[in-house]
Amino acid sequence: MQPILWQPLLQLDDYVVDTLMGDLIGHDRQPSAFVVYLFLWRATHGAKAATAQVALVDIAERTGLSKRSVQSALTRLVRRKLISVARERITAVPVYTVLRPWRSGI
């Protein structure tokens, strides 16, 4: 019998599933944006980190999306103020911060 290994659970704000999922997938017709948001949430809040530095190609590979779909999703998420993106220079790997605008001050 294999021992049961403990794995931490990914905790999401209720808003992410109850409201944001339907908004991004149904209203905006951007399921890729929701997938990328969840991926970045896991890389930040799920890892108890303020930011995550991830290359576009890595997001694409880890989510199963095309690079173009990831680019489009990131553009949508920035426009919706759900993430912020910082780069030291134009060719640097971006640093993402996952925002939670439904919580004031976070």
PDB file of N, CA and C in Angstrom:
ATOM      1  N   MET A   1       0.844  -1.181   0.000  1.00  0.00           N
ATOM      2  CA  MET A   1       0.000   0.000   0.000  1.00  0.00           C
ATOM      3  C   MET A   1       0.887   1.240   0.000  1.00  0.00           C
ATOM      4  N   GLN A   2       0.596   2.164  -0.904  1.00  0.00           N
ATOM      5  CA  GLN A   2       1.374   3.389  -1.022  1.00  0.00           C
ATOM      6  C   GLN A   2       1.012   4.353   0.106  1.00  0.00           C
ATOM      7  N   PRO A   3       2.002   5.012   0.678  1.00  0.00           N
ATOM      8  CA  PRO A   3       1.672   6.021   1.695  1.00  0.00           C
ATOM      9  C   PRO A   3       1.008   7.229   1.033  1.00  0.00           C
ATOM     10  N   ILE A   4       0.117   7.850   1.740  1.00  0.00           N
ATOM     11  CA  ILE A   4      -0.551   9.051   1.243  1.00  0.00           C
ATOM     12  C   ILE A   4       0.351  10.233   1.534  1.00  0.00           C
ATOM     13  N   LEU A   5       0.715  10.936   0.490  1.00  0.00           N
ATOM     14  CA  LEU A   5       1.558  12.107   0.633  1.00  0.00           C
ATOM     15  C   LEU A   5       0.691  13.345   0.753  1.00  0.00           C
ATOM     16  N   TRP A   6       1.071  14.221   1.648  1.00  0.00           N
ATOM     17  CA  TRP A   6       0.329  15.450   1.843  1.00  0.00           C
ATOM     18  C   TRP A   6       0.733  16.457   0.785  1.00  0.00           C
ATOM     19  N   GLN A   7      -0.247  17.071   0.161  1.00  0.00           N
ATOM     20  CA  GLN A   7       0.012  18.136  -0.791  1.00  0.00           C
ATOM     21  C   GLN A   7      -0.815  19.342  -0.384  1.00  0.00           C
ATOM     22  N   PRO A   8      -0.196  20.516  -0.428  1.00  0.00           N
ATOM     23  CA  PRO A   8      -0.968  21.711  -0.076  1.00  0.00           C
ATOM     24  C   PRO A   8      -2.073  21.957  -1.100  1.00  0.00           C
ATOM     25  N   LEU A   9      -3.148  22.519  -0.643  1.00  0.00           N
ATOM     26  CA  LEU A   9      -4.271  22.837  -1.513  1.00  0.00           C
ATOM     27  C   LEU A   9      -4.118  24.258  -2.039  1.00  0.00           C
ATOM     28  N   LEU A  10      -4.582  24.465  -3.232  1.00  0.00           N
ATOM     29  CA  LEU A  10      -4.617  25.805  -3.801  1.00  0.00           C
ATOM     30  C   LEU A  10      -5.911  26.454  -3.357  1.00  0.00           C
ATOM     31  N   GLN A  11      -5.796  27.555  -2.650  1.00  0.00           N
ATOM     32  CA  GLN A  11      -6.985  28.248  -2.176  1.00  0.00           C
ATOM     33  C   GLN A  11      -7.240  29.461  -3.052  1.00  0.00           C
ATOM     34  N   LEU A  12      -8.466  29.576  -3.501  1.00  0.00           N
ATOM     35  CA  LEU A  12      -8.880  30.702  -4.326  1.00  0.00           C
ATOM     36  C   LEU A  12      -9.918  31.511  -3.579  1.00  0.00           C
ATOM     37  N   ASP A  13      -9.932  32.809  -3.829  1.00  0.00           N
ATOM     38  CA  ASP A  13     -11.036  33.618  -3.333  1.00  0.00           C
ATOM     39  C   ASP A  13     -12.309  33.117  -4.009  1.00  0.00           C
ATOM     40  N   ASP A  14     -13.415  33.111  -3.283  1.00  0.00           N
ATOM     41  CA  ASP A  14     -14.692  32.694  -3.864  1.00  0.00           C
ATOM     42  C   ASP A  14     -15.003  33.476  -5.130  1.00  0.00           C
ATOM     43  N   TYR A  15     -14.631  34.737  -5.151  1.00  0.00           N
ATOM     44  CA  TYR A  15     -14.913  35.612  -6.283  1.00  0.00           C
ATOM     45  C   TYR A  15     -14.334  35.044  -7.586  1.00  0.00           C
ATOM     46  N   VAL A  16     -13.169  34.407  -7.515  1.00  0.00           N
ATOM     47  CA  VAL A  16     -12.513  33.888  -8.713  1.00  0.00           C
ATOM     48  C   VAL A  16     -13.409  32.883  -9.427  1.00  0.00           C
ATOM     49  N   VAL A  17     -14.027  31.990  -8.682  1.00  0.00           N
ATOM     50  CA  VAL A  17     -14.886  30.971  -9.286  1.00  0.00           C
ATOM     51  C   VAL A  17     -16.316  31.482  -9.466  1.00  0.00           C
ATOM     52  N   ASP A  18     -16.822  32.172  -8.472  1.00  0.00           N
ATOM     53  CA  ASP A  18     -18.229  32.590  -8.507  1.00  0.00           C
ATOM     54  C   ASP A  18     -18.511  33.702  -9.518  1.00  0.00           C
ATOM     55  N   THR A  19     -17.560  34.585  -9.760  1.00  0.00           N
ATOM     56  CA  THR A  19     -17.807  35.741 -10.617  1.00  0.00           C
ATOM     57  C   THR A  19     -16.828  35.841 -11.779  1.00  0.00           C
ATOM     58  N   LEU A  20     -15.540  35.802 -11.477  1.00  0.00           N
ATOM     59  CA  LEU A  20     -14.526  36.029 -12.507  1.00  0.00           C
ATOM     60  C   LEU A  20     -14.553  34.967 -13.599  1.00  0.00           C
ATOM     61  N   MET A  21     -14.761  33.720 -13.231  1.00  0.00           N
ATOM     62  CA  MET A  21     -14.794  32.647 -14.221  1.00  0.00           C
ATOM     63  C   MET A  21     -15.883  32.914 -15.265  1.00  0.00           C
ATOM     64  N   GLY A  22     -17.083  33.186 -14.827  1.00  0.00           N
ATOM     65  CA  GLY A  22     -18.175  33.461 -15.751  1.00  0.00           C
ATOM     66  C   GLY A  22     -17.960  34.738 -16.541  1.00  0.00           C
ATOM     67  N   ASP A  23     -17.332  35.705 -15.922  1.00  0.00           N
ATOM     68  CA  ASP A  23     -17.085  36.980 -16.587  1.00  0.00           C
ATOM     69  C   ASP A  23     -16.066  36.825 -17.718  1.00  0.00           C
ATOM     70  N   LEU A  24     -14.941  36.160 -17.435  1.00  0.00           N
ATOM     71  CA  LEU A  24     -13.906  35.989 -18.460  1.00  0.00           C
ATOM     72  C   LEU A  24     -14.315  34.986 -19.531  1.00  0.00           C
ATOM     73  N   ILE A  25     -14.915  33.877 -19.120  1.00  0.00           N
ATOM     74  CA  ILE A  25     -15.262  32.827 -20.080  1.00  0.00           C
ATOM     75  C   ILE A  25     -16.551  33.160 -20.817  1.00  0.00           C
ATOM     76  N   GLY A  26     -17.584  33.556 -20.094  1.00  0.00           N
ATOM     77  CA  GLY A  26     -18.879  33.798 -20.716  1.00  0.00           C
ATOM     78  C   GLY A  26     -19.000  35.164 -21.358  1.00  0.00           C
ATOM     79  N   HIS A  27     -18.729  36.204 -20.593  1.00  0.00           N
ATOM     80  CA  HIS A  27     -18.924  37.562 -21.101  1.00  0.00           C
ATOM     81  C   HIS A  27     -17.822  37.970 -22.073  1.00  0.00           C
ATOM     82  N   ASP A  28     -16.555  37.807 -21.677  1.00  0.00           N
ATOM     83  CA  ASP A  28     -15.432  38.226 -22.533  1.00  0.00           C
ATOM     84  C   ASP A  28     -15.083  37.185 -23.599  1.00  0.00           C
ATOM     85  N   ARG A  29     -15.608  35.981 -23.436  1.00  0.00           N
ATOM     86  CA  ARG A  29     -15.292  34.866 -24.349  1.00  0.00           C
ATOM     87  C   ARG A  29     -13.779  34.638 -24.446  1.00  0.00           C
ATOM     88  N   GLN A  30     -13.141  34.639 -23.274  1.00  0.00           N
ATOM     89  CA  GLN A  30     -11.699  34.465 -23.187  1.00  0.00           C
ATOM     90  C   GLN A  30     -11.352  33.395 -22.148  1.00  0.00           C
ATOM     91  N   PRO A  31     -11.692  32.125 -22.414  1.00  0.00           N
ATOM     92  CA  PRO A  31     -11.341  31.087 -21.440  1.00  0.00           C
ATOM     93  C   PRO A  31      -9.838  31.018 -21.201  1.00  0.00           C
ATOM     94  N   SER A  32      -9.045  31.378 -22.208  1.00  0.00           N
ATOM     95  CA  SER A  32      -7.588  31.366 -22.021  1.00  0.00           C
ATOM     96  C   SER A  32      -7.178  32.367 -20.959  1.00  0.00           C
ATOM     97  N   ALA A  33      -7.870  33.487 -20.854  1.00  0.00           N
ATOM     98  CA  ALA A  33      -7.549  34.482 -19.829  1.00  0.00           C
ATOM     99  C   ALA A  33      -7.794  33.904 -18.435  1.00  0.00           C
ATOM    100  N   PHE A  34      -8.861  33.145 -18.290  1.00  0.00           N
ATOM    101  CA  PHE A  34      -9.135  32.536 -16.987  1.00  0.00           C
ATOM    102  C   PHE A  34      -8.066  31.496 -16.649  1.00  0.00           C
ATOM    103  N   VAL A  35      -7.668  30.699 -17.623  1.00  0.00           N
ATOM    104  CA  VAL A  35      -6.634  29.676 -17.402  1.00  0.00           C
ATOM    105  C   VAL A  35      -5.307  30.333 -17.021  1.00  0.00           C
ATOM    106  N   VAL A  36      -4.936  31.386 -17.727  1.00  0.00           N
ATOM    107  CA  VAL A  36      -3.675  32.081 -17.424  1.00  0.00           C
ATOM    108  C   VAL A  36      -3.766  32.738 -16.048  1.00  0.00           C
ATOM    109  N   TYR A  37      -4.916  33.320 -15.714  1.00  0.00           N
ATOM    110  CA  TYR A  37      -5.091  33.920 -14.389  1.00  0.00           C
ATOM    111  C   TYR A  37      -4.907  32.867 -13.294  1.00  0.00           C
ATOM    112  N   LEU A  38      -5.513  31.689 -13.476  1.00  0.00           N
ATOM    113  CA  LEU A  38      -5.348  30.618 -12.493  1.00  0.00           C
ATOM    114  C   LEU A  38      -3.890  30.167 -12.391  1.00  0.00           C
ATOM    115  N   PHE A  39      -3.223  30.054 -13.539  1.00  0.00           N
ATOM    116  CA  PHE A  39      -1.810  29.668 -13.534  1.00  0.00           C
ATOM    117  C   PHE A  39      -0.980  30.685 -12.744  1.00  0.00           C
ATOM    118  N   LEU A  40      -1.195  31.967 -13.014  1.00  0.00           N
ATOM    119  CA  LEU A  40      -0.430  33.000 -12.312  1.00  0.00           C
ATOM    120  C   LEU A  40      -0.830  33.095 -10.839  1.00  0.00           C
ATOM    121  N   TRP A  41      -2.102  32.833 -10.543  1.00  0.00           N
ATOM    122  CA  TRP A  41      -2.545  32.812  -9.141  1.00  0.00           C
ATOM    123  C   TRP A  41      -1.761  31.735  -8.386  1.00  0.00           C
ATOM    124  N   ARG A  42      -1.658  30.571  -8.996  1.00  0.00           N
ATOM    125  CA  ARG A  42      -0.924  29.458  -8.371  1.00  0.00           C
ATOM    126  C   ARG A  42       0.544  29.818  -8.172  1.00  0.00           C
ATOM    127  N   ALA A  43       1.131  30.512  -9.140  1.00  0.00           N
ATOM    128  CA  ALA A  43       2.535  30.878  -9.068  1.00  0.00           C
ATOM    129  C   ALA A  43       2.801  31.992  -8.059  1.00  0.00           C
ATOM    130  N   THR A  44       1.772  32.735  -7.705  1.00  0.00           N
ATOM    131  CA  THR A  44       1.947  33.825  -6.747  1.00  0.00           C
ATOM    132  C   THR A  44       1.264  33.485  -5.417  1.00  0.00           C
ATOM    133  N   HIS A  45      -0.018  33.722  -5.342  1.00  0.00           N
ATOM    134  CA  HIS A  45      -0.748  33.497  -4.086  1.00  0.00           C
ATOM    135  C   HIS A  45      -0.641  32.052  -3.613  1.00  0.00           C
ATOM    136  N   GLY A  46      -0.675  31.114  -4.536  1.00  0.00           N
ATOM    137  CA  GLY A  46      -0.571  29.701  -4.176  1.00  0.00           C
ATOM    138  C   GLY A  46       0.790  29.322  -3.630  1.00  0.00           C
ATOM    139  N   ALA A  47       1.809  30.068  -4.024  1.00  0.00           N
ATOM    140  CA  ALA A  47       3.173  29.829  -3.543  1.00  0.00           C
ATOM    141  C   ALA A  47       3.554  30.816  -2.443  1.00  0.00           C
ATOM    142  N   LYS A  48       2.571  31.596  -2.002  1.00  0.00           N
ATOM    143  CA  LYS A  48       2.785  32.622  -0.987  1.00  0.00           C
ATOM    144  C   LYS A  48       3.888  33.594  -1.403  1.00  0.00           C
ATOM    145  N   ALA A  49       3.841  33.994  -2.672  1.00  0.00           N
ATOM    146  CA  ALA A  49       4.800  34.937  -3.236  1.00  0.00           C
ATOM    147  C   ALA A  49       4.048  36.151  -3.773  1.00  0.00           C
ATOM    148  N   ALA A  50       4.677  37.300  -3.709  1.00  0.00           N
ATOM    149  CA  ALA A  50       4.047  38.523  -4.194  1.00  0.00           C
ATOM    150  C   ALA A  50       4.031  38.576  -5.716  1.00  0.00           C
ATOM    151  N   THR A  51       5.066  38.028  -6.329  1.00  0.00           N
ATOM    152  CA  THR A  51       5.190  38.077  -7.779  1.00  0.00           C
ATOM    153  C   THR A  51       5.705  36.745  -8.309  1.00  0.00           C
ATOM    154  N   ALA A  52       5.611  36.597  -9.629  1.00  0.00           N
ATOM    155  CA  ALA A  52       6.169  35.419 -10.303  1.00  0.00           C
ATOM    156  C   ALA A  52       6.829  35.880 -11.593  1.00  0.00           C
ATOM    157  N   GLN A  53       8.059  35.433 -11.798  1.00  0.00           N
ATOM    158  CA  GLN A  53       8.763  35.743 -13.032  1.00  0.00           C
ATOM    159  C   GLN A  53       8.712  34.508 -13.917  1.00  0.00           C
ATOM    160  N   VAL A  54       7.953  34.606 -15.004  1.00  0.00           N
ATOM    161  CA  VAL A  54       7.710  33.455 -15.866  1.00  0.00           C
ATOM    162  C   VAL A  54       7.769  33.904 -17.323  1.00  0.00           C
ATOM    163  N   ALA A  55       8.471  33.146 -18.142  1.00  0.00           N
ATOM    164  CA  ALA A  55       8.541  33.442 -19.568  1.00  0.00           C
ATOM    165  C   ALA A  55       7.239  33.046 -20.252  1.00  0.00           C
ATOM    166  N   LEU A  56       6.911  33.754 -21.300  1.00  0.00           N
ATOM    167  CA  LEU A  56       5.702  33.483 -22.081  1.00  0.00           C
ATOM    168  C   LEU A  56       5.650  32.026 -22.534  1.00  0.00           C
ATOM    169  N   VAL A  57       6.756  31.519 -23.035  1.00  0.00           N
ATOM    170  CA  VAL A  57       6.791  30.139 -23.534  1.00  0.00           C
ATOM    171  C   VAL A  57       6.527  29.141 -22.399  1.00  0.00           C
ATOM    172  N   ASP A  58       6.965  29.459 -21.199  1.00  0.00           N
ATOM    173  CA  ASP A  58       6.714  28.569 -20.055  1.00  0.00           C
ATOM    174  C   ASP A  58       5.243  28.572 -19.668  1.00  0.00           C
ATOM    175  N   ILE A  59       4.609  29.728 -19.714  1.00  0.00           N
ATOM    176  CA  ILE A  59       3.170  29.780 -19.426  1.00  0.00           C
ATOM    177  C   ILE A  59       2.426  28.952 -20.475  1.00  0.00           C
ATOM    178  N   ALA A  60       2.809  29.109 -21.730  1.00  0.00           N
ATOM    179  CA  ALA A  60       2.159  28.365 -22.808  1.00  0.00           C
ATOM    180  C   ALA A  60       2.328  26.860 -22.603  1.00  0.00           C
ATOM    181  N   GLU A  61       3.523  26.431 -22.324  1.00  0.00           N
ATOM    182  CA  GLU A  61       3.774  24.996 -22.138  1.00  0.00           C
ATOM    183  C   GLU A  61       3.043  24.441 -20.927  1.00  0.00           C
ATOM    184  N   ARG A  62       3.037  25.183 -19.834  1.00  0.00           N
ATOM    185  CA  ARG A  62       2.433  24.678 -18.598  1.00  0.00           C
ATOM    186  C   ARG A  62       0.909  24.701 -18.625  1.00  0.00           C
ATOM    187  N   THR A  63       0.325  25.578 -19.451  1.00  0.00           N
ATOM    188  CA  THR A  63      -1.142  25.640 -19.528  1.00  0.00           C
ATOM    189  C   THR A  63      -1.695  24.870 -20.713  1.00  0.00           C
ATOM    190  N   GLY A  64      -0.839  24.539 -21.676  1.00  0.00           N
ATOM    191  CA  GLY A  64      -1.306  23.861 -22.878  1.00  0.00           C
ATOM    192  C   GLY A  64      -1.873  24.806 -23.923  1.00  0.00           C
ATOM    193  N   LEU A  65      -1.712  26.094 -23.713  1.00  0.00           N
ATOM    194  CA  LEU A  65      -2.196  27.097 -24.653  1.00  0.00           C
ATOM    195  C   LEU A  65      -1.097  27.472 -25.636  1.00  0.00           C
ATOM    196  N   SER A  66      -1.477  28.040 -26.753  1.00  0.00           N
ATOM    197  CA  SER A  66      -0.487  28.553 -27.699  1.00  0.00           C
ATOM    198  C   SER A  66       0.104  29.850 -27.147  1.00  0.00           C
ATOM    199  N   LYS A  67       1.279  30.207 -27.633  1.00  0.00           N
ATOM    200  CA  LYS A  67       1.900  31.459 -27.191  1.00  0.00           C
ATOM    201  C   LYS A  67       1.003  32.647 -27.536  1.00  0.00           C
ATOM    202  N   ARG A  68       0.385  32.609 -28.692  1.00  0.00           N
ATOM    203  CA  ARG A  68      -0.498  33.703 -29.098  1.00  0.00           C
ATOM    204  C   ARG A  68      -1.708  33.811 -28.170  1.00  0.00           C
ATOM    205  N   SER A  69      -2.268  32.674 -27.772  1.00  0.00           N
ATOM    206  CA  SER A  69      -3.395  32.689 -26.830  1.00  0.00           C
ATOM    207  C   SER A  69      -2.976  33.258 -25.481  1.00  0.00           C
ATOM    208  N   VAL A  70      -1.772  32.908 -25.047  1.00  0.00           N
ATOM    209  CA  VAL A  70      -1.264  33.440 -23.773  1.00  0.00           C
ATOM    210  C   VAL A  70      -1.062  34.946 -23.888  1.00  0.00           C
ATOM    211  N   GLN A  71      -0.492  35.407 -24.991  1.00  0.00           N
ATOM    212  CA  GLN A  71      -0.300  36.848 -25.192  1.00  0.00           C
ATOM    213  C   GLN A  71      -1.630  37.587 -25.149  1.00  0.00           C
ATOM    214  N   SER A  72      -2.615  37.047 -25.826  1.00  0.00           N
ATOM    215  CA  SER A  72      -3.942  37.658 -25.841  1.00  0.00           C
ATOM    216  C   SER A  72      -4.547  37.664 -24.440  1.00  0.00           C
ATOM    217  N   ALA A  73      -4.398  36.562 -23.731  1.00  0.00           N
ATOM    218  CA  ALA A  73      -4.924  36.462 -22.364  1.00  0.00           C
ATOM    219  C   ALA A  73      -4.251  37.474 -21.445  1.00  0.00           C
ATOM    220  N   LEU A  74      -2.943  37.604 -21.554  1.00  0.00           N
ATOM    221  CA  LEU A  74      -2.207  38.549 -20.709  1.00  0.00           C
ATOM    222  C   LEU A  74      -2.646  39.982 -20.999  1.00  0.00           C
ATOM    223  N   THR A  75      -2.850  40.289 -22.268  1.00  0.00           N
ATOM    224  CA  THR A  75      -3.328  41.624 -22.646  1.00  0.00           C
ATOM    225  C   THR A  75      -4.689  41.894 -22.017  1.00  0.00           C
ATOM    226  N   ARG A  76      -5.582  40.904 -22.094  1.00  0.00           N
ATOM    227  CA  ARG A  76      -6.917  41.048 -21.503  1.00  0.00           C
ATOM    228  C   ARG A  76      -6.832  41.234 -19.987  1.00  0.00           C
ATOM    229  N   LEU A  77      -5.990  40.444 -19.328  1.00  0.00           N
ATOM    230  CA  LEU A  77      -5.870  40.518 -17.864  1.00  0.00           C
ATOM    231  C   LEU A  77      -5.278  41.845 -17.412  1.00  0.00           C
ATOM    232  N   VAL A  78      -4.324  42.369 -18.155  1.00  0.00           N
ATOM    233  CA  VAL A  78      -3.754  43.687 -17.826  1.00  0.00           C
ATOM    234  C   VAL A  78      -4.816  44.757 -18.020  1.00  0.00           C
ATOM    235  N   ARG A  79      -5.531  44.690 -19.136  1.00  0.00           N
ATOM    236  CA  ARG A  79      -6.582  45.678 -19.422  1.00  0.00           C
ATOM    237  C   ARG A  79      -7.662  45.658 -18.347  1.00  0.00           C
ATOM    238  N   ARG A  80      -7.989  44.478 -17.857  1.00  0.00           N
ATOM    239  CA  ARG A  80      -9.010  44.337 -16.812  1.00  0.00           C
ATOM    240  C   ARG A  80      -8.463  44.623 -15.416  1.00  0.00           C
ATOM    241  N   LYS A  81      -7.160  44.930 -15.334  1.00  0.00           N
ATOM    242  CA  LYS A  81      -6.484  45.220 -14.058  1.00  0.00           C
ATOM    243  C   LYS A  81      -6.537  44.031 -13.099  1.00  0.00           C
ATOM    244  N   LEU A  82      -6.408  42.836 -13.680  1.00  0.00           N
ATOM    245  CA  LEU A  82      -6.356  41.611 -12.882  1.00  0.00           C
ATOM    246  C   LEU A  82      -4.921  41.157 -12.657  1.00  0.00           C
ATOM    247  N   ILE A  83      -4.003  41.642 -13.473  1.00  0.00           N
ATOM    248  CA  ILE A  83      -2.572  41.410 -13.267  1.00  0.00           C
ATOM    249  C   ILE A  83      -1.825  42.683 -13.631  1.00  0.00           C
ATOM    250  N   SER A  84      -0.611  42.802 -13.105  1.00  0.00           N
ATOM    251  CA  SER A  84       0.299  43.836 -13.575  1.00  0.00           C
ATOM    252  C   SER A  84       1.574  43.145 -14.023  1.00  0.00           C
ATOM    253  N   VAL A  85       2.239  43.768 -14.970  1.00  0.00           N
ATOM    254  CA  VAL A  85       3.439  43.190 -15.566  1.00  0.00           C
ATOM    255  C   VAL A  85       4.557  44.206 -15.476  1.00  0.00           C
ATOM    256  N   ALA A  86       5.730  43.752 -15.034  1.00  0.00           N
ATOM    257  CA  ALA A  86       6.907  44.614 -14.965  1.00  0.00           C
ATOM    258  C   ALA A  86       8.072  43.906 -15.638  1.00  0.00           C
ATOM    259  N   ARG A  87       8.906  44.691 -16.294  1.00  0.00           N
ATOM    260  CA  ARG A  87      10.118  44.168 -16.936  1.00  0.00           C
ATOM    261  C   ARG A  87      11.257  45.133 -16.657  1.00  0.00           C
ATOM    262  N   GLU A  88      12.443  44.594 -16.417  1.00  0.00           N
ATOM    263  CA  GLU A  88      13.606  45.459 -16.247  1.00  0.00           C
ATOM    264  C   GLU A  88      13.975  46.109 -17.569  1.00  0.00           C
ATOM    265  N   ARG A  89      13.835  45.366 -18.645  1.00  0.00           N
ATOM    266  CA  ARG A  89      14.064  45.877 -20.001  1.00  0.00           C
ATOM    267  C   ARG A  89      13.142  45.104 -20.934  1.00  0.00           C
ATOM    268  N   ILE A  90      13.040  45.561 -22.157  1.00  0.00           N
ATOM    269  CA  ILE A  90      12.050  45.014 -23.090  1.00  0.00           C
ATOM    270  C   ILE A  90      12.222  43.518 -23.348  1.00  0.00           C
ATOM    271  N   THR A  91      13.459  43.013 -23.299  1.00  0.00           N
ATOM    272  CA  THR A  91      13.701  41.597 -23.585  1.00  0.00           C
ATOM    273  C   THR A  91      13.742  40.724 -22.329  1.00  0.00           C
ATOM    274  N   ALA A  92      13.564  41.333 -21.165  1.00  0.00           N
ATOM    275  CA  ALA A  92      13.632  40.578 -19.908  1.00  0.00           C
ATOM    276  C   ALA A  92      12.380  39.727 -19.711  1.00  0.00           C
ATOM    277  N   VAL A  93      12.531  38.661 -18.958  1.00  0.00           N
ATOM    278  CA  VAL A  93      11.382  37.826 -18.594  1.00  0.00           C
ATOM    279  C   VAL A  93      10.476  38.656 -17.677  1.00  0.00           C
ATOM    280  N   PRO A  94       9.190  38.735 -17.990  1.00  0.00           N
ATOM    281  CA  PRO A  94       8.275  39.564 -17.198  1.00  0.00           C
ATOM    282  C   PRO A  94       8.076  39.045 -15.773  1.00  0.00           C
ATOM    283  N   VAL A  95       7.781  39.987 -14.904  1.00  0.00           N
ATOM    284  CA  VAL A  95       7.414  39.685 -13.523  1.00  0.00           C
ATOM    285  C   VAL A  95       5.940  40.047 -13.377  1.00  0.00           C
ATOM    286  N   TYR A  96       5.150  39.065 -12.982  1.00  0.00           N
ATOM    287  CA  TYR A  96       3.704  39.244 -12.885  1.00  0.00           C
ATOM    288  C   TYR A  96       3.267  39.376 -11.434  1.00  0.00           C
ATOM    289  N   THR A  97       2.336  40.286 -11.217  1.00  0.00           N
ATOM    290  CA  THR A  97       1.664  40.424  -9.931  1.00  0.00           C
ATOM    291  C   THR A  97       0.187  40.168 -10.187  1.00  0.00           C
ATOM    292  N   VAL A  98      -0.383  39.241  -9.448  1.00  0.00           N
ATOM    293  CA  VAL A  98      -1.812  38.940  -9.587  1.00  0.00           C
ATOM    294  C   VAL A  98      -2.567  39.860  -8.647  1.00  0.00           C
ATOM    295  N   LEU A  99      -3.452  40.645  -9.229  1.00  0.00           N
ATOM    296  CA  LEU A  99      -4.222  41.613  -8.469  1.00  0.00           C
ATOM    297  C   LEU A  99      -5.584  41.054  -8.102  1.00  0.00           C
ATOM    298  N   ARG A 100      -6.129  41.567  -7.040  1.00  0.00           N
ATOM    299  CA  ARG A 100      -7.472  41.178  -6.607  1.00  0.00           C
ATOM    300  C   ARG A 100      -8.274  42.458  -6.371  1.00  0.00           C
ATOM    301  N   PRO A 101      -8.729  43.087  -7.461  1.00  0.00           N
ATOM    302  CA  PRO A 101      -9.398  44.384  -7.311  1.00  0.00           C
ATOM    303  C   PRO A 101     -10.697  44.335  -6.523  1.00  0.00           C
ATOM    304  N   TRP A 102     -11.277  43.160  -6.362  1.00  0.00           N
ATOM    305  CA  TRP A 102     -12.510  43.047  -5.573  1.00  0.00           C
ATOM    306  C   TRP A 102     -12.214  43.179  -4.091  1.00  0.00           C
ATOM    307  N   ARG A 103     -10.940  43.113  -3.718  1.00  0.00           N
ATOM    308  CA  ARG A 103     -10.542  43.363  -2.332  1.00  0.00           C
ATOM    309  C   ARG A 103      -9.871  44.718  -2.310  1.00  0.00           C
ATOM    310  N   SER A 104     -10.376  45.639  -1.554  1.00  0.00           N
ATOM    311  CA  SER A 104      -9.772  46.979  -1.549  1.00  0.00           C
ATOM    312  C   SER A 104      -8.363  46.913  -0.971  1.00  0.00           C
ATOM    313  N   GLY A 105      -7.448  47.566  -1.663  1.00  0.00           N
ATOM    314  CA  GLY A 105      -6.079  47.666  -1.185  1.00  0.00           C
ATOM    315  C   GLY A 105      -5.208  46.448  -1.447  1.00  0.00           C
ATOM    316  N   ILE A 106      -5.702  45.456  -2.214  1.00  0.00           N
ATOM    317  CA  ILE A 106      -4.887  44.251  -2.462  1.00  0.00           C
ATOM    318  C   ILE A 106      -4.659  44.098  -3.938  1.00  0.00           C
TER     319      ILE A 106
END
